Amino acid sequence: MSCRVILAGAADIFYEELKQIIESVLQQGLSGQPLMEVLTANVNPAEIYASDDMLVTDSYFSLLHFATGEEMLTDAEWKYLLDCLNGNRIYSLDEKLKMTDKNSSGGLV
């Protein structure tokens, strides 16, 4: 049985857009200004701000902060977000933060 959460229509669109962008980060090394341009062209920040879906907001802000150089994410963190967006894992901010803490303290991810 899949652990995929049933999503409202708007969240489905966000999930698809965010998955495509994260896949571009992982597969093509998309970053910096080109990533910012893709985010700007494909995602409406006002709708993200209005979203009560933590996975959507965390994925968006991870991409935004990565694009501006404020945050570095490991492949494991990107893959975690992608697994959640694909419905293969249930998103947990605590689990994501544990990955981030290990990354920032030099531990293995």
PDB file of N, CA and C in Angstrom:
ATOM      1  N   MET A   1       0.847  -1.188   0.000  1.00  0.00           N
ATOM      2  CA  MET A   1       0.000   0.000   0.000  1.00  0.00           C
ATOM      3  C   MET A   1       0.885   1.243   0.000  1.00  0.00           C
ATOM      4  N   SER A   2       0.573   2.183  -0.855  1.00  0.00           N
ATOM      5  CA  SER A   2       1.353   3.416  -0.969  1.00  0.00           C
ATOM      6  C   SER A   2       1.043   4.351   0.194  1.00  0.00           C
ATOM      7  N   CYS A   3       2.054   5.072   0.639  1.00  0.00           N
ATOM      8  CA  CYS A   3       1.855   6.035   1.718  1.00  0.00           C
ATOM      9  C   CYS A   3       1.581   7.422   1.148  1.00  0.00           C
ATOM     10  N   ARG A   4       1.236   7.499  -0.131  1.00  0.00           N
ATOM     11  CA  ARG A   4       0.967   8.778  -0.783  1.00  0.00           C
ATOM     12  C   ARG A   4      -0.241   9.445  -0.157  1.00  0.00           C
ATOM     13  N   VAL A   5      -0.072  10.685   0.198  1.00  0.00           N
ATOM     14  CA  VAL A   5      -1.156  11.462   0.770  1.00  0.00           C
ATOM     15  C   VAL A   5      -2.018  12.006  -0.371  1.00  0.00           C
ATOM     16  N   ILE A   6      -3.319  11.960  -0.195  1.00  0.00           N
ATOM     17  CA  ILE A   6      -4.226  12.522  -1.197  1.00  0.00           C
ATOM     18  C   ILE A   6      -4.077  14.035  -1.160  1.00  0.00           C
ATOM     19  N   LEU A   7      -3.815  14.616  -2.316  1.00  0.00           N
ATOM     20  CA  LEU A   7      -3.522  16.044  -2.385  1.00  0.00           C
ATOM     21  C   LEU A   7      -4.648  16.817  -3.044  1.00  0.00           C
ATOM     22  N   ALA A   8      -4.796  18.048  -2.615  1.00  0.00           N
ATOM     23  CA  ALA A   8      -5.736  18.951  -3.277  1.00  0.00           C
ATOM     24  C   ALA A   8      -5.148  19.344  -4.628  1.00  0.00           C
ATOM     25  N   GLY A   9      -5.985  19.808  -5.543  1.00  0.00           N
ATOM     26  CA  GLY A   9      -5.553  20.140  -6.894  1.00  0.00           C
ATOM     27  C   GLY A   9      -4.355  21.059  -6.980  1.00  0.00           C
ATOM     28  N   ALA A  10      -4.332  22.136  -6.211  1.00  0.00           N
ATOM     29  CA  ALA A  10      -3.215  23.092  -6.273  1.00  0.00           C
ATOM     30  C   ALA A  10      -1.917  22.448  -5.807  1.00  0.00           C
ATOM     31  N   ALA A  11      -1.993  21.648  -4.758  1.00  0.00           N
ATOM     32  CA  ALA A  11      -0.782  20.999  -4.253  1.00  0.00           C
ATOM     33  C   ALA A  11      -0.205  20.053  -5.291  1.00  0.00           C
ATOM     34  N   ASP A  12      -1.081  19.366  -6.048  1.00  0.00           N
ATOM     35  CA  ASP A  12      -0.610  18.471  -7.116  1.00  0.00           C
ATOM     36  C   ASP A  12       0.260  19.227  -8.112  1.00  0.00           C
ATOM     37  N   ILE A  13      -0.168  20.427  -8.486  1.00  0.00           N
ATOM     38  CA  ILE A  13       0.581  21.244  -9.447  1.00  0.00           C
ATOM     39  C   ILE A  13       1.935  21.630  -8.841  1.00  0.00           C
ATOM     40  N   PHE A  14       1.924  22.061  -7.575  1.00  0.00           N
ATOM     41  CA  PHE A  14       3.176  22.408  -6.910  1.00  0.00           C
ATOM     42  C   PHE A  14       4.109  21.209  -6.875  1.00  0.00           C
ATOM     43  N   TYR A  15       3.578  20.044  -6.532  1.00  0.00           N
ATOM     44  CA  TYR A  15       4.408  18.845  -6.430  1.00  0.00           C
ATOM     45  C   TYR A  15       5.084  18.555  -7.762  1.00  0.00           C
ATOM     46  N   GLU A  16       4.326  18.616  -8.846  1.00  0.00           N
ATOM     47  CA  GLU A  16       4.893  18.318 -10.169  1.00  0.00           C
ATOM     48  C   GLU A  16       5.970  19.327 -10.545  1.00  0.00           C
ATOM     49  N   GLU A  17       5.692  20.609 -10.344  1.00  0.00           N
ATOM     50  CA  GLU A  17       6.667  21.649 -10.673  1.00  0.00           C
ATOM     51  C   GLU A  17       7.929  21.495  -9.832  1.00  0.00           C
ATOM     52  N   LEU A  18       7.762  21.304  -8.533  1.00  0.00           N
ATOM     53  CA  LEU A  18       8.909  21.189  -7.640  1.00  0.00           C
ATOM     54  C   LEU A  18       9.726  19.931  -7.944  1.00  0.00           C
ATOM     55  N   LYS A  19       9.047  18.829  -8.256  1.00  0.00           N
ATOM     56  CA  LYS A  19       9.767  17.598  -8.623  1.00  0.00           C
ATOM     57  C   LYS A  19      10.634  17.827  -9.849  1.00  0.00           C
ATOM     58  N   GLN A  20      10.076  18.470 -10.863  1.00  0.00           N
ATOM     59  CA  GLN A  20      10.837  18.716 -12.091  1.00  0.00           C
ATOM     60  C   GLN A  20      12.060  19.593 -11.819  1.00  0.00           C
ATOM     61  N   ILE A  21      11.891  20.594 -10.986  1.00  0.00           N
ATOM     62  CA  ILE A  21      13.008  21.499 -10.694  1.00  0.00           C
ATOM     63  C   ILE A  21      14.083  20.779  -9.889  1.00  0.00           C
ATOM     64  N   ILE A  22      13.676  20.016  -8.872  1.00  0.00           N
ATOM     65  CA  ILE A  22      14.653  19.274  -8.062  1.00  0.00           C
ATOM     66  C   ILE A  22      15.379  18.244  -8.921  1.00  0.00           C
ATOM     67  N   GLU A  23      14.661  17.587  -9.820  1.00  0.00           N
ATOM     68  CA  GLU A  23      15.315  16.633 -10.725  1.00  0.00           C
ATOM     69  C   GLU A  23      16.359  17.344 -11.589  1.00  0.00           C
ATOM     70  N   SER A  24      16.075  18.571 -12.019  1.00  0.00           N
ATOM     71  CA  SER A  24      17.051  19.341 -12.795  1.00  0.00           C
ATOM     72  C   SER A  24      18.277  19.700 -11.957  1.00  0.00           C
ATOM     73  N   VAL A  25      18.059  19.985 -10.676  1.00  0.00           N
ATOM     74  CA  VAL A  25      19.183  20.263  -9.777  1.00  0.00           C
ATOM     75  C   VAL A  25      20.063  19.018  -9.675  1.00  0.00           C
ATOM     76  N   LEU A  26      19.437  17.864  -9.466  1.00  0.00           N
ATOM     77  CA  LEU A  26      20.189  16.623  -9.283  1.00  0.00           C
ATOM     78  C   LEU A  26      20.851  16.126 -10.568  1.00  0.00           C
ATOM     79  N   GLN A  27      20.114  16.168 -11.665  1.00  0.00           N
ATOM     80  CA  GLN A  27      20.597  15.543 -12.903  1.00  0.00           C
ATOM     81  C   GLN A  27      21.439  16.478 -13.765  1.00  0.00           C
ATOM     82  N   GLN A  28      21.120  17.777 -13.726  1.00  0.00           N
ATOM     83  CA  GLN A  28      21.796  18.711 -14.626  1.00  0.00           C
ATOM     84  C   GLN A  28      22.636  19.746 -13.884  1.00  0.00           C
ATOM     85  N   GLY A  29      22.623  19.685 -12.557  1.00  0.00           N
ATOM     86  CA  GLY A  29      23.410  20.645 -11.788  1.00  0.00           C
ATOM     87  C   GLY A  29      22.846  22.052 -11.813  1.00  0.00           C
ATOM     88  N   LEU A  30      21.547  22.188 -12.049  1.00  0.00           N
ATOM     89  CA  LEU A  30      20.918  23.508 -12.097  1.00  0.00           C
ATOM     90  C   LEU A  30      21.137  24.221 -10.766  1.00  0.00           C
ATOM     91  N   SER A  31      21.615  25.463 -10.826  1.00  0.00           N
ATOM     92  CA  SER A  31      21.857  26.245  -9.605  1.00  0.00           C
ATOM     93  C   SER A  31      21.964  27.722  -9.969  1.00  0.00           C
ATOM     94  N   GLY A  32      22.156  28.552  -8.946  1.00  0.00           N
ATOM     95  CA  GLY A  32      22.384  29.979  -9.158  1.00  0.00           C
ATOM     96  C   GLY A  32      21.278  30.683  -9.919  1.00  0.00           C
ATOM     97  N   GLN A  33      21.695  31.632 -10.756  1.00  0.00           N
ATOM     98  CA  GLN A  33      20.734  32.446 -11.506  1.00  0.00           C
ATOM     99  C   GLN A  33      19.834  31.615 -12.425  1.00  0.00           C
ATOM    100  N   PRO A  34      20.355  30.604 -13.139  1.00  0.00           N
ATOM    101  CA  PRO A  34      19.453  29.777 -13.960  1.00  0.00           C
ATOM    102  C   PRO A  34      18.358  29.091 -13.128  1.00  0.00           C
ATOM    103  N   LEU A  35      18.708  28.620 -11.930  1.00  0.00           N
ATOM    104  CA  LEU A  35      17.703  28.019 -11.052  1.00  0.00           C
ATOM    105  C   LEU A  35      16.692  29.071 -10.624  1.00  0.00           C
ATOM    106  N   MET A  36      17.153  30.263 -10.286  1.00  0.00           N
ATOM    107  CA  MET A  36      16.246  31.339  -9.888  1.00  0.00           C
ATOM    108  C   MET A  36      15.274  31.668 -11.024  1.00  0.00           C
ATOM    109  N   GLU A  37      15.769  31.679 -12.249  1.00  0.00           N
ATOM    110  CA  GLU A  37      14.910  31.962 -13.401  1.00  0.00           C
ATOM    111  C   GLU A  37      13.852  30.885 -13.582  1.00  0.00           C
ATOM    112  N   VAL A  38      14.230  29.626 -13.393  1.00  0.00           N
ATOM    113  CA  VAL A  38      13.261  28.527 -13.498  1.00  0.00           C
ATOM    114  C   VAL A  38      12.216  28.645 -12.393  1.00  0.00           C
ATOM    115  N   LEU A  39      12.641  28.937 -11.171  1.00  0.00           N
ATOM    116  CA  LEU A  39      11.691  29.118 -10.067  1.00  0.00           C
ATOM    117  C   LEU A  39      10.717  30.249 -10.363  1.00  0.00           C
ATOM    118  N   THR A  40      11.253  31.367 -10.821  1.00  0.00           N
ATOM    119  CA  THR A  40      10.420  32.537 -11.112  1.00  0.00           C
ATOM    120  C   THR A  40       9.414  32.246 -12.222  1.00  0.00           C
ATOM    121  N   ALA A  41       9.844  31.516 -13.231  1.00  0.00           N
ATOM    122  CA  ALA A  41       8.979  31.222 -14.374  1.00  0.00           C
ATOM    123  C   ALA A  41       7.911  30.173 -14.062  1.00  0.00           C
ATOM    124  N   ASN A  42       8.192  29.266 -13.121  1.00  0.00           N
ATOM    125  CA  ASN A  42       7.310  28.120 -12.939  1.00  0.00           C
ATOM    126  C   ASN A  42       6.536  28.069 -11.631  1.00  0.00           C
ATOM    127  N   VAL A  43       6.919  28.888 -10.664  1.00  0.00           N
ATOM    128  CA  VAL A  43       6.276  28.817  -9.349  1.00  0.00           C
ATOM    129  C   VAL A  43       5.878  30.218  -8.908  1.00  0.00           C
ATOM    130  N   ASN A  44       4.626  30.361  -8.488  1.00  0.00           N
ATOM    131  CA  ASN A  44       4.123  31.640  -8.001  1.00  0.00           C
ATOM    132  C   ASN A  44       4.379  31.719  -6.491  1.00  0.00           C
ATOM    133  N   PRO A  45       5.305  32.581  -6.069  1.00  0.00           N
ATOM    134  CA  PRO A  45       5.630  32.655  -4.636  1.00  0.00           C
ATOM    135  C   PRO A  45       4.424  32.971  -3.750  1.00  0.00           C
ATOM    136  N   ALA A  46       3.494  33.775  -4.226  1.00  0.00           N
ATOM    137  CA  ALA A  46       2.315  34.115  -3.420  1.00  0.00           C
ATOM    138  C   ALA A  46       1.506  32.864  -3.092  1.00  0.00           C
ATOM    139  N   GLU A  47       1.427  31.943  -4.038  1.00  0.00           N
ATOM    140  CA  GLU A  47       0.696  30.698  -3.797  1.00  0.00           C
ATOM    141  C   GLU A  47       1.465  29.794  -2.841  1.00  0.00           C
ATOM    142  N   ILE A  48       2.788  29.828  -2.920  1.00  0.00           N
ATOM    143  CA  ILE A  48       3.601  29.047  -1.985  1.00  0.00           C
ATOM    144  C   ILE A  48       3.403  29.581  -0.574  1.00  0.00           C
ATOM    145  N   TYR A  49       3.462  30.917  -0.424  1.00  0.00           N
ATOM    146  CA  TYR A  49       3.279  31.520   0.891  1.00  0.00           C
ATOM    147  C   TYR A  49       1.913  31.168   1.476  1.00  0.00           C
ATOM    148  N   ALA A  50       0.904  31.055   0.626  1.00  0.00           N
ATOM    149  CA  ALA A  50      -0.452  30.752   1.069  1.00  0.00           C
ATOM    150  C   ALA A  50      -0.659  29.257   1.338  1.00  0.00           C
ATOM    151  N   SER A  51       0.255  28.438   0.874  1.00  0.00           N
ATOM    152  CA  SER A  51       0.118  26.991   1.040  1.00  0.00           C
ATOM    153  C   SER A  51       0.328  26.586   2.486  1.00  0.00           C
ATOM    154  N   ASP A  52      -0.500  25.646   2.952  1.00  0.00           N
ATOM    155  CA  ASP A  52      -0.294  25.118   4.303  1.00  0.00           C
ATOM    156  C   ASP A  52       0.385  23.749   4.257  1.00  0.00           C
ATOM    157  N   ASP A  53       0.948  23.418   3.095  1.00  0.00           N
ATOM    158  CA  ASP A  53       1.639  22.143   2.902  1.00  0.00           C
ATOM    159  C   ASP A  53       3.125  22.350   3.198  1.00  0.00           C
ATOM    160  N   MET A  54       3.593  21.805   4.312  1.00  0.00           N
ATOM    161  CA  MET A  54       4.988  21.990   4.725  1.00  0.00           C
ATOM    162  C   MET A  54       5.981  21.452   3.704  1.00  0.00           C
ATOM    163  N   LEU A  55       5.624  20.375   3.010  1.00  0.00           N
ATOM    164  CA  LEU A  55       6.522  19.824   1.996  1.00  0.00           C
ATOM    165  C   LEU A  55       6.694  20.813   0.852  1.00  0.00           C
ATOM    166  N   VAL A  56       5.615  21.442   0.434  1.00  0.00           N
ATOM    167  CA  VAL A  56       5.676  22.438  -0.637  1.00  0.00           C
ATOM    168  C   VAL A  56       6.528  23.625  -0.210  1.00  0.00           C
ATOM    169  N   THR A  57       6.258  24.161   0.968  1.00  0.00           N
ATOM    170  CA  THR A  57       7.007  25.351   1.396  1.00  0.00           C
ATOM    171  C   THR A  57       8.479  25.022   1.650  1.00  0.00           C
ATOM    172  N   ASP A  58       8.766  23.880   2.259  1.00  0.00           N
ATOM    173  CA  ASP A  58      10.157  23.524   2.522  1.00  0.00           C
ATOM    174  C   ASP A  58      10.906  23.264   1.212  1.00  0.00           C
ATOM    175  N   SER A  59      10.272  22.585   0.268  1.00  0.00           N
ATOM    176  CA  SER A  59      10.915  22.322  -1.023  1.00  0.00           C
ATOM    177  C   SER A  59      11.202  23.631  -1.751  1.00  0.00           C
ATOM    178  N   TYR A  60      10.213  24.518  -1.774  1.00  0.00           N
ATOM    179  CA  TYR A  60      10.382  25.802  -2.457  1.00  0.00           C
ATOM    180  C   TYR A  60      11.508  26.618  -1.819  1.00  0.00           C
ATOM    181  N   PHE A  61      11.479  26.757  -0.494  1.00  0.00           N
ATOM    182  CA  PHE A  61      12.491  27.585   0.162  1.00  0.00           C
ATOM    183  C   PHE A  61      13.879  26.935   0.117  1.00  0.00           C
ATOM    184  N   SER A  62      13.941  25.612   0.087  1.00  0.00           N
ATOM    185  CA  SER A  62      15.228  24.947  -0.102  1.00  0.00           C
ATOM    186  C   SER A  62      15.796  25.300  -1.470  1.00  0.00           C
ATOM    187  N   LEU A  63      14.948  25.261  -2.491  1.00  0.00           N
ATOM    188  CA  LEU A  63      15.384  25.635  -3.841  1.00  0.00           C
ATOM    189  C   LEU A  63      15.785  27.105  -3.901  1.00  0.00           C
ATOM    190  N   LEU A  64      14.977  27.971  -3.322  1.00  0.00           N
ATOM    191  CA  LEU A  64      15.252  29.406  -3.329  1.00  0.00           C
ATOM    192  C   LEU A  64      16.573  29.716  -2.624  1.00  0.00           C
ATOM    193  N   HIS A  65      16.758  29.161  -1.444  1.00  0.00           N
ATOM    194  CA  HIS A  65      17.989  29.425  -0.690  1.00  0.00           C
ATOM    195  C   HIS A  65      19.202  28.799  -1.349  1.00  0.00           C
ATOM    196  N   PHE A  66      19.021  27.664  -2.004  1.00  0.00           N
ATOM    197  CA  PHE A  66      20.111  27.045  -2.757  1.00  0.00           C
ATOM    198  C   PHE A  66      20.491  27.927  -3.950  1.00  0.00           C
ATOM    199  N   ALA A  67      19.481  28.461  -4.641  1.00  0.00           N
ATOM    200  CA  ALA A  67      19.723  29.311  -5.815  1.00  0.00           C
ATOM    201  C   ALA A  67      20.486  30.574  -5.444  1.00  0.00           C
ATOM    202  N   THR A  68      20.206  31.119  -4.259  1.00  0.00           N
ATOM    203  CA  THR A  68      20.870  32.353  -3.839  1.00  0.00           C
ATOM    204  C   THR A  68      22.192  32.088  -3.120  1.00  0.00           C
ATOM    205  N   GLY A  69      22.512  30.819  -2.896  1.00  0.00           N
ATOM    206  CA  GLY A  69      23.752  30.472  -2.224  1.00  0.00           C
ATOM    207  C   GLY A  69      23.676  30.531  -0.707  1.00  0.00           C
ATOM    208  N   GLU A  70      22.477  30.762  -0.164  1.00  0.00           N
ATOM    209  CA  GLU A  70      22.304  30.846   1.285  1.00  0.00           C
ATOM    210  C   GLU A  70      22.349  29.478   1.950  1.00  0.00           C
ATOM    211  N   GLU A  71      22.053  28.440   1.191  1.00  0.00           N
ATOM    212  CA  GLU A  71      21.956  27.103   1.759  1.00  0.00           C
ATOM    213  C   GLU A  71      22.522  26.095   0.767  1.00  0.00           C
ATOM    214  N   MET A  72      23.287  25.150   1.281  1.00  0.00           N
ATOM    215  CA  MET A  72      23.775  24.062   0.454  1.00  0.00           C
ATOM    216  C   MET A  72      23.060  22.790   0.892  1.00  0.00           C
ATOM    217  N   LEU A  73      22.580  22.027  -0.057  1.00  0.00           N
ATOM    218  CA  LEU A  73      21.920  20.772   0.255  1.00  0.00           C
ATOM    219  C   LEU A  73      22.700  19.626  -0.363  1.00  0.00           C
ATOM    220  N   THR A  74      22.724  18.515   0.335  1.00  0.00           N
ATOM    221  CA  THR A  74      23.376  17.328  -0.196  1.00  0.00           C
ATOM    222  C   THR A  74      22.417  16.625  -1.154  1.00  0.00           C
ATOM    223  N   ASP A  75      22.964  15.731  -1.957  1.00  0.00           N
ATOM    224  CA  ASP A  75      22.108  14.923  -2.830  1.00  0.00           C
ATOM    225  C   ASP A  75      21.085  14.150  -2.008  1.00  0.00           C
ATOM    226  N   ALA A  76      21.478  13.686  -0.828  1.00  0.00           N
ATOM    227  CA  ALA A  76      20.564  12.934   0.036  1.00  0.00           C
ATOM    228  C   ALA A  76      19.363  13.794   0.447  1.00  0.00           C
ATOM    229  N   GLU A  77      19.604  15.065   0.734  1.00  0.00           N
ATOM    230  CA  GLU A  77      18.500  15.963   1.099  1.00  0.00           C
ATOM    231  C   GLU A  77      17.567  16.198  -0.083  1.00  0.00           C
ATOM    232  N   TRP A  78      18.152  16.431  -1.265  1.00  0.00           N
ATOM    233  CA  TRP A  78      17.322  16.610  -2.463  1.00  0.00           C
ATOM    234  C   TRP A  78      16.508  15.351  -2.733  1.00  0.00           C
ATOM    235  N   LYS A  79      17.161  14.190  -2.610  1.00  0.00           N
ATOM    236  CA  LYS A  79      16.472  12.919  -2.876  1.00  0.00           C
ATOM    237  C   LYS A  79      15.371  12.674  -1.853  1.00  0.00           C
ATOM    238  N   TYR A  80      15.589  13.093  -0.614  1.00  0.00           N
ATOM    239  CA  TYR A  80      14.550  12.976   0.410  1.00  0.00           C
ATOM    240  C   TYR A  80      13.320  13.794   0.002  1.00  0.00           C
ATOM    241  N   LEU A  81      13.533  15.054  -0.380  1.00  0.00           N
ATOM    242  CA  LEU A  81      12.409  15.889  -0.812  1.00  0.00           C
ATOM    243  C   LEU A  81      11.719  15.276  -2.027  1.00  0.00           C
ATOM    244  N   LEU A  82      12.509  14.773  -2.968  1.00  0.00           N
ATOM    245  CA  LEU A  82      11.952  14.155  -4.162  1.00  0.00           C
ATOM    246  C   LEU A  82      11.145  12.909  -3.807  1.00  0.00           C
ATOM    247  N   ASP A  83      11.661  12.066  -2.920  1.00  0.00           N
ATOM    248  CA  ASP A  83      10.918  10.875  -2.479  1.00  0.00           C
ATOM    249  C   ASP A  83       9.588  11.266  -1.854  1.00  0.00           C
ATOM    250  N   CYS A  84       9.583  12.332  -1.058  1.00  0.00           N
ATOM    251  CA  CYS A  84       8.342  12.798  -0.434  1.00  0.00           C
ATOM    252  C   CYS A  84       7.369  13.337  -1.484  1.00  0.00           C
ATOM    253  N   LEU A  85       7.878  14.131  -2.412  1.00  0.00           N
ATOM    254  CA  LEU A  85       7.020  14.683  -3.468  1.00  0.00           C
ATOM    255  C   LEU A  85       6.446  13.579  -4.356  1.00  0.00           C
ATOM    256  N   ASN A  86       7.197  12.493  -4.518  1.00  0.00           N
ATOM    257  CA  ASN A  86       6.724  11.349  -5.316  1.00  0.00           C
ATOM    258  C   ASN A  86       5.790  10.438  -4.533  1.00  0.00           C
ATOM    259  N   GLY A  87       5.647  10.691  -3.230  1.00  0.00           N
ATOM    260  CA  GLY A  87       4.767   9.879  -2.404  1.00  0.00           C
ATOM    261  C   GLY A  87       5.405   8.601  -1.899  1.00  0.00           C
ATOM    262  N   ASN A  88       6.724   8.479  -2.014  1.00  0.00           N
ATOM    263  CA  ASN A  88       7.416   7.282  -1.550  1.00  0.00           C
ATOM    264  C   ASN A  88       7.777   7.349  -0.072  1.00  0.00           C
ATOM    265  N   ARG A  89       7.749   8.553   0.491  1.00  0.00           N
ATOM    266  CA  ARG A  89       8.018   8.773   1.914  1.00  0.00           C
ATOM    267  C   ARG A  89       7.049   9.823   2.417  1.00  0.00           C
ATOM    268  N   ILE A  90       6.798   9.787   3.698  1.00  0.00           N
ATOM    269  CA  ILE A  90       5.969  10.821   4.324  1.00  0.00           C
ATOM    270  C   ILE A  90       6.900  11.903   4.850  1.00  0.00           C
ATOM    271  N   TYR A  91       6.634  13.137   4.453  1.00  0.00           N
ATOM    272  CA  TYR A  91       7.493  14.260   4.824  1.00  0.00           C
ATOM    273  C   TYR A  91       7.457  14.503   6.327  1.00  0.00           C
ATOM    274  N   SER A  92       8.628  14.714   6.897  1.00  0.00           N
ATOM    275  CA  SER A  92       8.769  15.070   8.299  1.00  0.00           C
ATOM    276  C   SER A  92       9.839  16.157   8.398  1.00  0.00           C
ATOM    277  N   LEU A  93       9.462  17.308   8.911  1.00  0.00           N
ATOM    278  CA  LEU A  93      10.430  18.389   9.086  1.00  0.00           C
ATOM    279  C   LEU A  93      11.556  17.945  10.022  1.00  0.00           C
ATOM    280  N   ASP A  94      11.198  17.188  11.050  1.00  0.00           N
ATOM    281  CA  ASP A  94      12.226  16.706  11.980  1.00  0.00           C
ATOM    282  C   ASP A  94      13.258  15.841  11.259  1.00  0.00           C
ATOM    283  N   GLU A  95      12.784  14.938  10.393  1.00  0.00           N
ATOM    284  CA  GLU A  95      13.714  14.089   9.645  1.00  0.00           C
ATOM    285  C   GLU A  95      14.591  14.926   8.717  1.00  0.00           C
ATOM    286  N   LYS A  96      14.004  15.909   8.054  1.00  0.00           N
ATOM    287  CA  LYS A  96      14.775  16.797   7.165  1.00  0.00           C
ATOM    288  C   LYS A  96      15.816  17.575   7.963  1.00  0.00           C
ATOM    289  N   LEU A  97      15.436  18.079   9.124  1.00  0.00           N
ATOM    290  CA  LEU A  97      16.361  18.846   9.943  1.00  0.00           C
ATOM    291  C   LEU A  97      17.512  17.980  10.465  1.00  0.00           C
ATOM    292  N   LYS A  98      17.244  16.709  10.740  1.00  0.00           N
ATOM    293  CA  LYS A  98      18.318  15.802  11.159  1.00  0.00           C
ATOM    294  C   LYS A  98      19.349  15.666  10.045  1.00  0.00           C
ATOM    295  N   MET A  99      18.891  15.583   8.792  1.00  0.00           N
ATOM    296  CA  MET A  99      19.808  15.518   7.658  1.00  0.00           C
ATOM    297  C   MET A  99      20.613  16.803   7.561  1.00  0.00           C
ATOM    298  N   THR A 100      19.952  17.939   7.717  1.00  0.00           N
ATOM    299  CA  THR A 100      20.594  19.242   7.638  1.00  0.00           C
ATOM    300  C   THR A 100      21.614  19.395   8.755  1.00  0.00           C
ATOM    301  N   ASP A 101      21.258  18.972   9.974  1.00  0.00           N
ATOM    302  CA  ASP A 101      22.176  19.062  11.100  1.00  0.00           C
ATOM    303  C   ASP A 101      23.414  18.213  10.860  1.00  0.00           C
ATOM    304  N   LYS A 102      23.240  16.996  10.340  1.00  0.00           N
ATOM    305  CA  LYS A 102      24.381  16.132  10.050  1.00  0.00           C
ATOM    306  C   LYS A 102      25.272  16.770   8.986  1.00  0.00           C
ATOM    307  N   ASN A 103      24.629  17.392   7.985  1.00  0.00           N
ATOM    308  CA  ASN A 103      25.371  18.036   6.909  1.00  0.00           C
ATOM    309  C   ASN A 103      26.186  19.207   7.455  1.00  0.00           C
ATOM    310  N   SER A 104      25.580  20.015   8.309  1.00  0.00           N
ATOM    311  CA  SER A 104      26.270  21.210   8.799  1.00  0.00           C
ATOM    312  C   SER A 104      27.327  20.883   9.840  1.00  0.00           C
ATOM    313  N   SER A 105      27.186  19.737  10.529  1.00  0.00           N
ATOM    314  CA  SER A 105      28.184  19.380  11.546  1.00  0.00           C
ATOM    315  C   SER A 105      29.265  18.459  10.995  1.00  0.00           C
ATOM    316  N   GLY A 106      29.205  18.189   9.699  1.00  0.00           N
ATOM    317  CA  GLY A 106      30.244  17.387   9.072  1.00  0.00           C
ATOM    318  C   GLY A 106      30.008  15.895   9.164  1.00  0.00           C
ATOM    319  N   GLY A 107      28.831  15.493   9.671  1.00  0.00           N
ATOM    320  CA  GLY A 107      28.522  14.062   9.774  1.00  0.00           C
ATOM    321  C   GLY A 107      28.145  13.486   8.431  1.00  0.00           C
ATOM    322  N   LEU A 108      28.012  12.198   8.399  1.00  0.00           N
ATOM    323  CA  LEU A 108      27.638  11.521   7.154  1.00  0.00           C
ATOM    324  C   LEU A 108      26.142  11.616   6.952  1.00  0.00           C
ATOM    325  N   VAL A 109      25.743  11.741   5.697  1.00  0.00           N
ATOM    326  CA  VAL A 109      24.321  11.802   5.358  1.00  0.00           C
ATOM    327  C   VAL A 109      23.988  10.576   4.558  1.00  0.00           C
TER     328      VAL A 109
END
